[in-house]
Amino acid sequence: MQLIKLSATESTNAYLKDLMQHRQLVDFTVVTTEKQTKGRGQMGTSWISEPGKNLTFSVLKRYEGVTVAQRFWINISVSLAIHSALDQLEVPSLRIKWPNDIMSGRTKICGILIENILSGQLIHSCIIGIGLNVNQLNFQNLPKVSSLKLLFGRDFDLEKVLLAIIDQLKKYLKLLEEGQFKELGSQYEARLFRKGMPTAFKNKENQLFMGMIQGVSRTGKLLIQLEDDSVQEFDLKEVQMMY
């Protein structure tokens, strides 16, 4: 593992992608920064982080046999790795909110943004961007956001938490390379936020409906049982969970 520490950058994902154009990087090259000025989340959302208080970092993972059709399994592996690392810290009520937000109770503590680099129908490598709220206390009127310090009332050593996450990433991404899809899938579904619970959703037409999460499809779509007992698949842009 090569660790690159920056005082500030627009985006660790963008920095790592640019670095790949100019240097041969080893597997699990990690770029971390104290201040990220243009951090991004899923679907173009911003990731707001107080400088020096949280973990904002990106990891390069190279592949040989993972196909484009299997890309959601990277998401599953990364989500499980972070869940496992935080579970070791005894973070309470951990769940994975589809597709890859890490929750403690009803509050989000970690977001993930994965960008794949393709070679034909294979994923050549991917850049895994992770933002974990660690020692920040104020989240600017975001009631569904928390941090490790808010949960435990104490500061955490950022580098120790980073190394714990990297250790679990290596473990779970190895399971993916070994083709342990059944094991990964069962662990992911067992940790899904609000699985099997009556939940309100909003579709892309902004219509509200009730349903229960049953799991995810092999392509990563959310499976929701509707009030007529039918089960429908929803992609990321097609449904929003209301909680």
C-alpha atoms as a PDB file:
ATOM      1  CA  MET A   1       0.000   0.000   0.000  1.00  0.00           C
ATOM      2  CA  GLN A   2       1.212   3.504  -0.853  1.00  0.00           C
ATOM      3  CA  LEU A   3      -0.252   6.341   1.224  1.00  0.00           C
ATOM      4  CA  ILE A   4      -0.297   9.874  -0.218  1.00  0.00           C
ATOM      5  CA  LYS A   5      -1.298  12.603   2.248  1.00  0.00           C
ATOM      6  CA  LEU A   6      -2.491  15.992   0.992  1.00  0.00           C
ATOM      7  CA  SER A   7      -3.314  19.132   2.934  1.00  0.00           C
ATOM      8  CA  ALA A   8      -6.029  20.066   0.413  1.00  0.00           C
ATOM      9  CA  THR A   9      -7.393  19.041  -2.987  1.00  0.00           C
ATOM     10  CA  GLU A  10     -10.614  19.480  -4.937  1.00  0.00           C
ATOM     11  CA  SER A  11     -11.393  15.748  -4.872  1.00  0.00           C
ATOM     12  CA  THR A  12      -9.301  12.744  -3.866  1.00  0.00           C
ATOM     13  CA  ASN A  13     -11.001  10.700  -6.607  1.00  0.00           C
ATOM     14  CA  ALA A  14     -10.053  13.297  -9.235  1.00  0.00           C
ATOM     15  CA  TYR A  15      -6.509  13.600  -7.854  1.00  0.00           C
ATOM     16  CA  LEU A  16      -6.010   9.843  -7.997  1.00  0.00           C
ATOM     17  CA  LYS A  17      -7.402   9.608 -11.543  1.00  0.00           C
ATOM     18  CA  ASP A  18      -5.051  12.351 -12.698  1.00  0.00           C
ATOM     19  CA  LEU A  19      -2.096  10.721 -10.951  1.00  0.00           C
ATOM     20  CA  MET A  20      -2.808   7.466 -12.788  1.00  0.00           C
ATOM     21  CA  GLN A  21      -2.226   9.281 -16.092  1.00  0.00           C
ATOM     22  CA  HIS A  22       1.307  10.237 -15.081  1.00  0.00           C
ATOM     23  CA  ARG A  23       2.585   7.472 -12.808  1.00  0.00           C
ATOM     24  CA  GLN A  24       2.397   3.715 -12.476  1.00  0.00           C
ATOM     25  CA  LEU A  25       0.581   3.231  -9.195  1.00  0.00           C
ATOM     26  CA  VAL A  26       0.577   0.112  -7.053  1.00  0.00           C
ATOM     27  CA  ASP A  27      -2.599  -1.673  -6.028  1.00  0.00           C
ATOM     28  CA  PHE A  28      -4.224  -0.058  -2.978  1.00  0.00           C
ATOM     29  CA  THR A  29      -2.623   3.336  -3.501  1.00  0.00           C
ATOM     30  CA  VAL A  30      -4.458   5.608  -1.045  1.00  0.00           C
ATOM     31  CA  VAL A  31      -4.883   9.382  -1.339  1.00  0.00           C
ATOM     32  CA  THR A  32      -6.158  11.164   1.746  1.00  0.00           C
ATOM     33  CA  THR A  33      -6.661  14.870   2.382  1.00  0.00           C
ATOM     34  CA  GLU A  34      -7.399  17.158   5.311  1.00  0.00           C
ATOM     35  CA  LYS A  35      -9.545  19.420   3.150  1.00  0.00           C
ATOM     36  CA  GLN A  36     -11.588  18.452   0.087  1.00  0.00           C
ATOM     37  CA  THR A  37     -13.066  21.469  -1.688  1.00  0.00           C
ATOM     38  CA  LYS A  38     -15.241  19.715  -4.265  1.00  0.00           C
ATOM     39  CA  GLY A  39     -16.083  16.355  -2.744  1.00  0.00           C
ATOM     40  CA  ARG A  40     -18.879  14.447  -4.457  1.00  0.00           C
ATOM     41  CA  GLY A  41     -21.411  11.856  -3.408  1.00  0.00           C
ATOM     42  CA  GLN A  42     -23.870   9.705  -5.320  1.00  0.00           C
ATOM     43  CA  MET A  43     -25.730  11.344  -8.243  1.00  0.00           C
ATOM     44  CA  GLY A  44     -23.606  14.495  -8.125  1.00  0.00           C
ATOM     45  CA  THR A  45     -24.400  15.517  -4.555  1.00  0.00           C
ATOM     46  CA  SER A  46     -21.809  17.463  -2.551  1.00  0.00           C
ATOM     47  CA  TRP A  47     -19.921  16.010   0.396  1.00  0.00           C
ATOM     48  CA  ILE A  48     -19.398  18.704   3.045  1.00  0.00           C
ATOM     49  CA  SER A  49     -16.528  18.011   5.434  1.00  0.00           C
ATOM     50  CA  GLU A  50     -14.843  20.213   8.044  1.00  0.00           C
ATOM     51  CA  PRO A  51     -11.070  20.381   7.364  1.00  0.00           C
ATOM     52  CA  GLY A  52      -8.989  18.041   9.514  1.00  0.00           C
ATOM     53  CA  LYS A  53     -11.985  16.520  11.291  1.00  0.00           C
ATOM     54  CA  ASN A  54     -12.977  13.613   9.049  1.00  0.00           C
ATOM     55  CA  LEU A  55     -11.653  10.951   6.709  1.00  0.00           C
ATOM     56  CA  THR A  56     -11.850  11.887   3.040  1.00  0.00           C
ATOM     57  CA  PHE A  57      -9.823   9.479   0.936  1.00  0.00           C
ATOM     58  CA  SER A  58      -9.702   7.425  -2.241  1.00  0.00           C
ATOM     59  CA  VAL A  59      -8.304   3.966  -2.883  1.00  0.00           C
ATOM     60  CA  LEU A  60      -7.064   2.523  -6.178  1.00  0.00           C
ATOM     61  CA  LYS A  61      -7.991  -1.127  -6.742  1.00  0.00           C
ATOM     62  CA  ARG A  62      -6.805  -2.987  -9.832  1.00  0.00           C
ATOM     63  CA  TYR A  63      -8.654  -5.993 -11.295  1.00  0.00           C
ATOM     64  CA  GLU A  64      -8.104  -8.717 -13.836  1.00  0.00           C
ATOM     65  CA  GLY A  65     -11.311 -10.772 -14.082  1.00  0.00           C
ATOM     66  CA  VAL A  66     -14.159  -8.577 -12.807  1.00  0.00           C
ATOM     67  CA  THR A  67     -16.664  -7.786 -15.554  1.00  0.00           C
ATOM     68  CA  VAL A  68     -18.769  -4.674 -16.091  1.00  0.00           C
ATOM     69  CA  ALA A  69     -21.857  -6.790 -15.334  1.00  0.00           C
ATOM     70  CA  GLN A  70     -20.396  -7.536 -11.876  1.00  0.00           C
ATOM     71  CA  ARG A  71     -19.737  -3.893 -10.966  1.00  0.00           C
ATOM     72  CA  PHE A  72     -22.328  -3.776  -8.191  1.00  0.00           C
ATOM     73  CA  TRP A  73     -20.376  -6.461  -6.352  1.00  0.00           C
ATOM     74  CA  ILE A  74     -17.588  -3.913  -5.881  1.00  0.00           C
ATOM     75  CA  ASN A  75     -20.153  -1.679  -4.209  1.00  0.00           C
ATOM     76  CA  ILE A  76     -21.266  -4.561  -1.985  1.00  0.00           C
ATOM     77  CA  SER A  77     -17.683  -5.446  -1.020  1.00  0.00           C
ATOM     78  CA  VAL A  78     -16.751  -1.861  -0.153  1.00  0.00           C
ATOM     79  CA  SER A  79     -19.938  -1.323   1.870  1.00  0.00           C
ATOM     80  CA  LEU A  80     -19.310  -4.501   3.851  1.00  0.00           C
ATOM     81  CA  ALA A  81     -15.672  -3.558   4.456  1.00  0.00           C
ATOM     82  CA  ILE A  82     -16.588  -0.209   5.994  1.00  0.00           C
ATOM     83  CA  HIS A  83     -19.449  -1.768   7.962  1.00  0.00           C
ATOM     84  CA  SER A  84     -17.000  -4.362   9.332  1.00  0.00           C
ATOM     85  CA  ALA A  85     -14.357  -1.783  10.286  1.00  0.00           C
ATOM     86  CA  LEU A  86     -16.927   0.366  12.095  1.00  0.00           C
ATOM     87  CA  ASP A  87     -18.432  -2.699  13.760  1.00  0.00           C
ATOM     88  CA  GLN A  88     -14.999  -3.396  15.252  1.00  0.00           C
ATOM     89  CA  LEU A  89     -15.153   0.109  16.746  1.00  0.00           C
ATOM     90  CA  GLU A  90     -18.543  -0.869  18.241  1.00  0.00           C
ATOM     91  CA  VAL A  91     -20.472   1.794  16.338  1.00  0.00           C
ATOM     92  CA  PRO A  92     -24.123   1.155  17.324  1.00  0.00           C
ATOM     93  CA  SER A  93     -26.983   0.046  15.068  1.00  0.00           C
ATOM     94  CA  LEU A  94     -24.917  -0.189  11.882  1.00  0.00           C
ATOM     95  CA  ARG A  95     -26.777  -0.695   8.603  1.00  0.00           C
ATOM     96  CA  ILE A  96     -26.130  -0.221   4.890  1.00  0.00           C
ATOM     97  CA  LYS A  97     -28.670   2.045   3.207  1.00  0.00           C
ATOM     98  CA  TRP A  98     -28.950   0.953  -0.424  1.00  0.00           C
ATOM     99  CA  PRO A  99     -26.849   1.315  -2.386  1.00  0.00           C
ATOM    100  CA  ASN A 100     -23.913   2.203  -0.130  1.00  0.00           C
ATOM    101  CA  ASP A 101     -24.557   4.755   2.626  1.00  0.00           C
ATOM    102  CA  ILE A 102     -23.389   3.567   6.030  1.00  0.00           C
ATOM    103  CA  MET A 103     -25.903   4.345   8.751  1.00  0.00           C
ATOM    104  CA  SER A 104     -25.860   4.352  12.527  1.00  0.00           C
ATOM    105  CA  GLY A 105     -29.490   4.110  13.509  1.00  0.00           C
ATOM    106  CA  ARG A 106     -31.303   6.629  11.283  1.00  0.00           C
ATOM    107  CA  THR A 107     -28.260   8.857  10.663  1.00  0.00           C
ATOM    108  CA  LYS A 108     -25.673   8.671   7.890  1.00  0.00           C
ATOM    109  CA  ILE A 109     -22.030   8.555   8.936  1.00  0.00           C
ATOM    110  CA  CYS A 110     -20.290   7.477   5.727  1.00  0.00           C
ATOM    111  CA  GLY A 111     -20.727   7.881   1.976  1.00  0.00           C
ATOM    112  CA  ILE A 112     -19.063   6.026  -0.897  1.00  0.00           C
ATOM    113  CA  LEU A 113     -18.443   6.979  -4.519  1.00  0.00           C
ATOM    114  CA  ILE A 114     -16.952   4.298  -6.799  1.00  0.00           C
ATOM    115  CA  GLU A 115     -15.673   5.155 -10.267  1.00  0.00           C
ATOM    116  CA  ASN A 116     -14.771   2.260 -12.573  1.00  0.00           C
ATOM    117  CA  ILE A 117     -12.141   2.380 -15.312  1.00  0.00           C
ATOM    118  CA  LEU A 118     -13.066  -0.022 -18.108  1.00  0.00           C
ATOM    119  CA  SER A 119     -11.201  -2.084 -20.652  1.00  0.00           C
ATOM    120  CA  GLY A 120     -13.815  -3.523 -22.997  1.00  0.00           C
ATOM    121  CA  GLN A 121     -16.236  -5.579 -20.896  1.00  0.00           C
ATOM    122  CA  LEU A 122     -13.787  -5.823 -17.989  1.00  0.00           C
ATOM    123  CA  ILE A 123     -13.186  -3.444 -15.112  1.00  0.00           C
ATOM    124  CA  HIS A 124      -9.500  -2.618 -15.353  1.00  0.00           C
ATOM    125  CA  SER A 125      -9.427  -0.742 -12.060  1.00  0.00           C
ATOM    126  CA  CYS A 126     -11.640   1.342  -9.830  1.00  0.00           C
ATOM    127  CA  ILE A 127     -11.257   4.369  -7.628  1.00  0.00           C
ATOM    128  CA  ILE A 128     -13.094   4.009  -4.330  1.00  0.00           C
ATOM    129  CA  GLY A 129     -13.916   7.362  -2.743  1.00  0.00           C
ATOM    130  CA  ILE A 130     -14.897   7.299   0.926  1.00  0.00           C
ATOM    131  CA  GLY A 131     -16.078  10.078   3.204  1.00  0.00           C
ATOM    132  CA  LEU A 132     -16.449   9.130   6.869  1.00  0.00           C
ATOM    133  CA  ASN A 133     -17.639  11.601   9.496  1.00  0.00           C
ATOM    134  CA  VAL A 134     -15.273  11.165  12.410  1.00  0.00           C
ATOM    135  CA  ASN A 135     -14.620  14.177  14.686  1.00  0.00           C
ATOM    136  CA  GLN A 136     -17.006  16.774  13.224  1.00  0.00           C
ATOM    137  CA  LEU A 137     -19.844  18.001  15.447  1.00  0.00           C
ATOM    138  CA  ASN A 138     -21.769  20.524  13.321  1.00  0.00           C
ATOM    139  CA  PHE A 139     -23.432  19.460  10.070  1.00  0.00           C
ATOM    140  CA  GLN A 140     -25.218  22.677   9.069  1.00  0.00           C
ATOM    141  CA  ASN A 141     -28.842  21.718   9.701  1.00  0.00           C
ATOM    142  CA  LEU A 142     -28.529  18.181   8.338  1.00  0.00           C
ATOM    143  CA  PRO A 143     -30.591  16.206  10.879  1.00  0.00           C
ATOM    144  CA  LYS A 144     -29.944  12.792   9.345  1.00  0.00           C
ATOM    145  CA  VAL A 145     -26.137  13.032   9.552  1.00  0.00           C
ATOM    146  CA  SER A 146     -23.878  12.034  12.436  1.00  0.00           C
ATOM    147  CA  SER A 147     -20.230  11.306  13.244  1.00  0.00           C
ATOM    148  CA  LEU A 148     -18.211   8.966  15.432  1.00  0.00           C
ATOM    149  CA  LYS A 149     -17.594  11.799  17.909  1.00  0.00           C
ATOM    150  CA  LEU A 150     -21.307  12.607  18.140  1.00  0.00           C
ATOM    151  CA  LEU A 151     -22.026   8.920  18.758  1.00  0.00           C
ATOM    152  CA  PHE A 152     -19.260   8.299  21.316  1.00  0.00           C
ATOM    153  CA  GLY A 153     -18.512  11.731  22.775  1.00  0.00           C
ATOM    154  CA  ARG A 154     -14.762  11.515  22.114  1.00  0.00           C
ATOM    155  CA  ASP A 155     -12.190  12.117  19.400  1.00  0.00           C
ATOM    156  CA  PHE A 156     -10.877   9.315  17.197  1.00  0.00           C
ATOM    157  CA  ASP A 157      -7.402   8.897  15.693  1.00  0.00           C
ATOM    158  CA  LEU A 158      -8.014   9.424  11.963  1.00  0.00           C
ATOM    159  CA  GLU A 159      -5.066   7.334  10.802  1.00  0.00           C
ATOM    160  CA  LYS A 160      -6.029   4.365  12.970  1.00  0.00           C
ATOM    161  CA  VAL A 161      -9.565   4.420  11.581  1.00  0.00           C
ATOM    162  CA  LEU A 162      -8.189   4.760   8.034  1.00  0.00           C
ATOM    163  CA  LEU A 163      -5.891   1.742   8.425  1.00  0.00           C
ATOM    164  CA  ALA A 164      -8.734  -0.318   9.913  1.00  0.00           C
ATOM    165  CA  ILE A 165     -10.890   0.446   6.847  1.00  0.00           C
ATOM    166  CA  ILE A 166      -8.049  -0.366   4.411  1.00  0.00           C
ATOM    167  CA  ASP A 167      -7.505  -3.681   6.189  1.00  0.00           C
ATOM    168  CA  GLN A 168     -11.171  -4.626   5.739  1.00  0.00           C
ATOM    169  CA  LEU A 169     -11.204  -3.400   2.124  1.00  0.00           C
ATOM    170  CA  LYS A 170      -8.387  -5.820   1.322  1.00  0.00           C
ATOM    171  CA  LYS A 171     -10.325  -8.645   2.956  1.00  0.00           C
ATOM    172  CA  TYR A 172     -13.663  -8.039   1.242  1.00  0.00           C
ATOM    173  CA  LEU A 173     -12.288  -7.146  -2.185  1.00  0.00           C
ATOM    174  CA  LYS A 174     -10.323 -10.393  -2.076  1.00  0.00           C
ATOM    175  CA  LEU A 175     -13.597 -12.264  -1.502  1.00  0.00           C
ATOM    176  CA  LEU A 176     -14.917 -10.593  -4.645  1.00  0.00           C
ATOM    177  CA  GLU A 177     -11.874 -11.639  -6.685  1.00  0.00           C
ATOM    178  CA  GLU A 178     -12.327 -15.192  -5.392  1.00  0.00           C
ATOM    179  CA  GLY A 179     -15.919 -15.197  -6.651  1.00  0.00           C
ATOM    180  CA  GLN A 180     -17.517 -15.457  -3.207  1.00  0.00           C
ATOM    181  CA  PHE A 181     -20.722 -13.840  -4.472  1.00  0.00           C
ATOM    182  CA  LYS A 182     -23.110 -15.885  -2.326  1.00  0.00           C
ATOM    183  CA  GLU A 183     -21.279 -14.977   0.872  1.00  0.00           C
ATOM    184  CA  LEU A 184     -21.015 -11.298  -0.057  1.00  0.00           C
ATOM    185  CA  GLY A 185     -24.656 -11.115  -1.140  1.00  0.00           C
ATOM    186  CA  SER A 186     -26.014 -12.732   2.015  1.00  0.00           C
ATOM    187  CA  GLN A 187     -23.927 -10.471   4.266  1.00  0.00           C
ATOM    188  CA  TYR A 188     -25.017  -7.360   2.367  1.00  0.00           C
ATOM    189  CA  GLU A 189     -28.718  -8.207   2.459  1.00  0.00           C
ATOM    190  CA  ALA A 190     -28.542  -9.067   6.171  1.00  0.00           C
ATOM    191  CA  ARG A 191     -27.247  -5.549   6.848  1.00  0.00           C
ATOM    192  CA  LEU A 192     -29.663  -3.590   4.638  1.00  0.00           C
ATOM    193  CA  PHE A 193     -31.263  -0.550   6.273  1.00  0.00           C
ATOM    194  CA  ARG A 194     -35.032  -1.040   6.809  1.00  0.00           C
ATOM    195  CA  LYS A 195     -35.134  -4.439   5.122  1.00  0.00           C
ATOM    196  CA  GLY A 196     -38.508  -6.115   5.783  1.00  0.00           C
ATOM    197  CA  MET A 197     -39.949  -2.978   7.406  1.00  0.00           C
ATOM    198  CA  PRO A 198     -42.912  -1.000   6.003  1.00  0.00           C
ATOM    199  CA  THR A 199     -41.312   2.076   4.448  1.00  0.00           C
ATOM    200  CA  ALA A 200     -42.451   5.086   2.421  1.00  0.00           C
ATOM    201  CA  PHE A 201     -40.779   5.651  -0.951  1.00  0.00           C
ATOM    202  CA  LYS A 202     -40.981   8.307  -3.648  1.00  0.00           C
ATOM    203  CA  ASN A 203     -40.735   7.349  -7.332  1.00  0.00           C
ATOM    204  CA  LYS A 204     -39.232   9.407 -10.160  1.00  0.00           C
ATOM    205  CA  GLU A 205     -42.642  11.053 -10.736  1.00  0.00           C
ATOM    206  CA  ASN A 206     -42.529  12.252  -7.087  1.00  0.00           C
ATOM    207  CA  GLN A 207     -45.407   9.925  -6.162  1.00  0.00           C
ATOM    208  CA  LEU A 208     -45.351   8.402  -2.683  1.00  0.00           C
ATOM    209  CA  PHE A 209     -45.931   4.683  -2.156  1.00  0.00           C
ATOM    210  CA  MET A 210     -45.480   2.130   0.616  1.00  0.00           C
ATOM    211  CA  GLY A 211     -43.389  -0.991   0.350  1.00  0.00           C
ATOM    212  CA  MET A 212     -40.906  -3.312   2.057  1.00  0.00           C
ATOM    213  CA  ILE A 213     -37.319  -3.886   0.964  1.00  0.00           C
ATOM    214  CA  GLN A 214     -36.779  -7.558   0.157  1.00  0.00           C
ATOM    215  CA  GLY A 215     -33.166  -7.367  -1.033  1.00  0.00           C
ATOM    216  CA  VAL A 216     -31.229  -6.477  -4.172  1.00  0.00           C
ATOM    217  CA  SER A 217     -31.045  -8.073  -7.611  1.00  0.00           C
ATOM    218  CA  ARG A 218     -27.792  -9.453  -9.020  1.00  0.00           C
ATOM    219  CA  THR A 219     -27.391  -6.211 -10.960  1.00  0.00           C
ATOM    220  CA  GLY A 220     -27.822  -4.111  -7.824  1.00  0.00           C
ATOM    221  CA  LYS A 221     -31.409  -2.948  -8.214  1.00  0.00           C
ATOM    222  CA  LEU A 222     -33.507  -2.565  -5.080  1.00  0.00           C
ATOM    223  CA  LEU A 223     -36.265  -5.181  -4.702  1.00  0.00           C
ATOM    224  CA  ILE A 224     -39.370  -3.706  -3.064  1.00  0.00           C
ATOM    225  CA  GLN A 225     -42.522  -5.625  -2.187  1.00  0.00           C
ATOM    226  CA  LEU A 226     -45.508  -3.399  -2.902  1.00  0.00           C
ATOM    227  CA  GLU A 227     -48.872  -3.305  -1.158  1.00  0.00           C
ATOM    228  CA  ASP A 228     -50.356  -5.712  -3.722  1.00  0.00           C
ATOM    229  CA  ASP A 229     -47.580  -8.208  -2.762  1.00  0.00           C
ATOM    230  CA  SER A 230     -45.829  -7.866  -6.133  1.00  0.00           C
ATOM    231  CA  VAL A 231     -42.054  -7.289  -6.069  1.00  0.00           C
ATOM    232  CA  GLN A 232     -40.573  -4.649  -8.338  1.00  0.00           C
ATOM    233  CA  GLU A 233     -36.984  -3.666  -9.155  1.00  0.00           C
ATOM    234  CA  PHE A 234     -35.875  -0.046  -8.833  1.00  0.00           C
ATOM    235  CA  ASP A 235     -32.660   1.562 -10.035  1.00  0.00           C
ATOM    236  CA  LEU A 236     -30.862   4.353  -8.183  1.00  0.00           C
ATOM    237  CA  LYS A 237     -32.576   7.191 -10.076  1.00  0.00           C
ATOM    238  CA  GLU A 238     -36.014   5.582  -9.864  1.00  0.00           C
ATOM    239  CA  VAL A 239     -36.734   5.577  -6.140  1.00  0.00           C
ATOM    240  CA  GLN A 240     -36.020   7.566  -2.997  1.00  0.00           C
ATOM    241  CA  MET A 241     -36.478   6.191   0.497  1.00  0.00           C
ATOM    242  CA  MET A 242     -38.422   8.441   2.879  1.00  0.00           C
ATOM    243  CA  TYR A 243     -37.454   7.864   6.507  1.00  0.00           C
END
